[in-house]
C-alpha cells in the first residue's frame, strides 16, 4: 500500500469519526476518542477485508467497504464504553 492510499484512508476515517461525533455529540474529548477509534476501526476493517478477499467499495488498494464497516463498529463500541464509564460515575 502506498502513501497516498494511507493518507486517503486516514482522511476517510477522520471524516467518519467526525460525522459520528456530530450525530452523538459529547464534547471535545469525545471527538478525540471517536476519531482515534475510527482510525483503528477503519484500518482493522481494511485489513480484515483484504485478508478475506472482499472487494466491496475497493478504491485501488484500499478496501473502503471493510474500512467503513470496521470504523462504524469500533465507534459504536467506543460510544458504548463511554456510556458505561459515565453511568458508573453517576451511581457513586
Protein backbone atom coordinates (compact mmCIF):
# COMPACT_ATOMS: atom_id res chain seq x y z
CA UNK A 1 0.00 0.00 0.00
CA UNK A 2 1.45 3.35 -0.99
CA UNK A 3 1.45 6.60 0.99
CA UNK A 4 -1.40 8.21 -0.96
CA UNK A 5 -3.65 5.26 -0.12
CA UNK A 6 -2.77 5.55 3.57
CA UNK A 7 -3.47 9.29 3.57
CA UNK A 8 -6.80 8.80 1.79
CA UNK A 9 -7.81 6.10 4.28
CA UNK A 10 -6.77 8.35 7.17
CA UNK A 11 -8.89 11.22 5.80
CA UNK A 12 -11.94 8.99 5.28
CA UNK A 13 -11.59 7.52 8.77
CA UNK A 14 -11.30 11.02 10.26
CA UNK A 15 -14.44 12.12 8.44
CA UNK A 16 -16.36 9.05 9.65
CA UNK A 17 -15.29 9.78 13.24
CA UNK A 18 -16.23 13.46 12.95
CA UNK A 19 -19.64 12.64 11.46
CA UNK A 20 -20.27 10.14 14.26
CA UNK A 21 -19.40 12.84 16.78
CA UNK A 22 -21.87 15.23 15.14
CA UNK A 23 -24.54 12.56 15.43
CA UNK A 24 -23.84 11.52 19.04
CA UNK A 25 -22.17 14.69 20.41
CA UNK A 26 -20.15 14.62 23.60
CA UNK A 27 -17.64 17.46 23.75
CA UNK A 28 -14.05 17.86 22.66
CA UNK A 29 -12.57 14.79 24.35
CA UNK A 30 -15.21 12.51 22.91
CA UNK A 31 -14.36 13.92 19.47
CA UNK A 32 -10.74 12.89 20.04
CA UNK A 33 -11.83 9.43 21.23
CA UNK A 34 -14.18 8.99 18.26
CA UNK A 35 -11.54 9.98 15.71
CA UNK A 36 -8.90 7.68 17.19
CA UNK A 37 -11.44 4.84 17.41
CA UNK A 38 -12.43 5.49 13.81
CA UNK A 39 -8.79 5.29 12.66
CA UNK A 40 -8.29 1.98 14.46
CA UNK A 41 -11.56 0.52 13.22
CA UNK A 42 -11.02 1.67 9.64
CA UNK A 43 -7.63 0.08 9.27
CA UNK A 44 -8.66 -3.10 11.10
CA UNK A 45 -11.67 -3.35 8.78
CA UNK A 46 -9.44 -2.70 5.77
CA UNK A 47 -7.04 -5.44 6.85
CA UNK A 48 -9.88 -7.90 7.52
CA UNK A 49 -11.46 -7.21 4.13
CA UNK A 50 -8.07 -7.61 2.43
CA UNK A 51 -7.41 -10.94 4.16
CA UNK A 52 -10.90 -12.22 3.32
CA UNK A 53 -10.59 -11.10 -0.30
CA UNK A 54 -13.65 -8.82 -0.23
CA UNK A 55 -13.82 -6.16 -2.93
CA UNK A 56 -16.75 -4.15 -1.60
CA UNK A 57 -16.15 -0.46 -2.43
CA UNK A 58 -12.49 -1.04 -3.21
CA UNK A 59 -10.63 2.11 -4.24
CA UNK A 60 -7.31 0.97 -5.64
CA UNK A 61 -5.62 -0.99 -2.87
CA UNK A 62 -7.87 0.47 -0.17
CA UNK A 63 -10.83 -1.64 0.94
CA UNK A 64 -13.27 1.20 1.68
CA UNK A 65 -16.27 -1.02 2.42
CA UNK A 66 -14.50 -3.08 5.05
CA UNK A 67 -12.84 0.01 6.46
CA UNK A 68 -16.07 1.92 6.89
CA UNK A 69 -17.84 -1.07 8.44
CA UNK A 70 -14.92 -1.62 10.83
CA UNK A 71 -14.86 2.06 11.70
CA UNK A 72 -18.57 2.16 12.50
CA UNK A 73 -18.38 -0.99 14.63
CA UNK A 74 -15.47 0.35 16.68
CA UNK A 75 -17.21 3.74 17.02
CA UNK A 76 -20.32 2.07 18.46
CA UNK A 77 -18.06 0.14 20.85
CA UNK A 78 -16.26 3.33 21.92
CA UNK A 79 -19.57 5.11 22.44
CA UNK A 80 -20.93 2.23 24.50
CA UNK A 81 -17.78 2.07 26.64
CA UNK A 82 -18.01 5.83 27.19
CA UNK A 83 -21.59 5.45 28.41
CA UNK A 84 -20.64 2.62 30.76
CA UNK A 85 -17.98 4.83 32.32
CA UNK A 86 -20.39 7.77 32.74
CA UNK A 87 -23.16 5.67 34.28
CA UNK A 88 -20.80 4.18 36.87
CA UNK A 89 -19.73 7.69 37.93
CA UNK A 90 -23.34 8.83 38.35
CA UNK A 91 -24.16 5.83 40.56
CA UNK A 92 -21.38 6.66 43.04
